[in-house]
Protein backbone atom coordinates (compact mmCIF):
# COMPACT_ATOMS: atom_id res chain seq x y z
CA UNK A 1 65.69 111.36 102.77
CA UNK A 2 63.78 108.63 100.91
CA UNK A 3 64.05 104.97 101.52
CA UNK A 4 65.54 102.52 99.04
CA UNK A 5 62.15 101.68 97.56
CA UNK A 6 61.47 105.34 96.72
CA UNK A 7 64.86 105.70 95.06
CA UNK A 8 64.38 102.53 93.00
CA UNK A 9 60.90 103.66 92.00
CA UNK A 10 62.19 107.07 90.86
CA UNK A 11 64.99 105.45 88.85
CA UNK A 12 62.50 103.11 87.19
CA UNK A 13 60.17 106.00 86.33
CA UNK A 14 63.05 107.98 84.85
CA UNK A 15 64.28 105.04 82.76
CA UNK A 16 60.76 104.50 81.43
CA UNK A 17 60.71 108.07 80.15
CA UNK A 18 63.72 107.70 77.87
CA UNK A 19 61.55 106.30 75.08
CA UNK A 20 57.83 106.03 74.69
CA UNK A 21 56.40 102.92 72.97
CA UNK A 22 56.18 104.65 69.56
CA UNK A 23 59.83 105.70 69.72
CA UNK A 24 60.84 102.21 70.78
CA UNK A 25 58.99 100.80 67.75
CA UNK A 26 60.90 103.19 65.48
CA UNK A 27 64.21 101.91 66.87
CA UNK A 28 63.14 98.27 66.50
CA UNK A 29 61.97 98.89 62.91
CA UNK A 30 65.31 100.48 62.05
CA UNK A 31 67.14 97.46 63.49
CA UNK A 32 64.89 94.96 61.69
CA UNK A 33 65.43 96.88 58.44
CA UNK A 34 69.20 96.61 58.96
CA UNK A 35 69.61 100.35 59.54
CA UNK A 36 71.79 100.00 62.62
CA UNK A 37 73.38 103.44 62.34
CA UNK A 38 69.97 105.05 62.03
CA UNK A 39 68.83 103.12 65.13
CA UNK A 40 71.78 104.65 67.01
CA UNK A 41 70.76 108.12 65.84
CA UNK A 42 67.21 107.53 67.05
CA UNK A 43 68.35 106.23 70.45
CA UNK A 44 70.55 109.29 70.96
CA UNK A 45 67.76 111.65 69.91
CA UNK A 46 65.15 110.00 72.11
CA UNK A 47 67.52 110.08 75.09
CA UNK A 48 67.91 113.84 74.63
CA UNK A 49 71.37 113.86 73.07
CA UNK A 50 72.42 115.53 69.83
CA UNK A 51 73.63 112.69 67.57
CA UNK A 52 75.89 115.14 65.71
CA UNK A 53 78.02 115.35 68.85
CA UNK A 54 78.73 111.60 68.74
CA UNK A 55 78.71 110.73 65.03
CA UNK A 56 80.92 112.30 62.36
CA UNK A 57 79.04 115.16 60.69
CA UNK A 58 79.20 113.69 57.18
CA UNK A 59 77.89 110.35 58.40
CA UNK A 60 75.10 111.99 60.40
CA UNK A 61 74.10 114.19 57.46
CA UNK A 62 74.04 111.17 55.12
CA UNK A 63 71.89 109.20 57.56
CA UNK A 64 69.39 112.05 57.97
CA UNK A 65 69.17 112.59 54.20
CA UNK A 66 68.69 108.89 53.49
CA UNK A 67 65.96 108.68 56.13
CA UNK A 68 64.12 111.63 54.61
CA UNK A 69 64.27 110.12 51.15
CA UNK A 70 63.42 106.63 52.36
CA UNK A 71 66.47 105.21 50.63
CA UNK A 72 69.13 103.06 52.27
CA UNK A 73 72.11 105.01 53.57
CA UNK A 74 74.49 103.19 51.26
CA UNK A 75 73.40 101.86 47.87
CA UNK A 76 76.25 99.36 47.91
CA UNK A 77 74.92 97.76 51.09
CA UNK A 78 71.64 96.78 49.40
CA UNK A 79 73.18 94.67 46.67
CA UNK A 80 74.51 91.23 47.44
CA UNK A 81 78.16 90.69 46.59
CA UNK A 82 78.66 88.78 43.39
CA UNK A 83 80.61 85.53 43.59
CA UNK A 84 84.00 85.54 41.97
CA UNK A 85 84.10 83.77 38.62
CA UNK A 86 87.05 81.54 37.94
CA UNK A 87 89.06 82.54 34.90
CA UNK A 88 87.96 80.66 31.82
CA UNK A 89 90.47 78.28 30.39
CA UNK A 90 90.22 78.29 26.65
CA UNK A 91 91.77 75.49 24.66
CA UNK A 92 93.13 77.21 21.57
């Protein structure tokens, strides 16, 4: 039976193995780029989980396809919303 220090050390070693520095950089880049769903996919993958078990299939498929093509997952999310224009009052 190990002492408390050994247990804490093993837990720390295990937690350090979830992501290597390169994987962590990929997650950070996805977050900085505003690709929060893709960051979640990466975290699940790097932790050894299948993201398709936690994300709806259509969503997961769309995220994977958009990552492969380098395009944003949703074209609508890349364009800023246009301000509403007040109706023009014409004096006829």
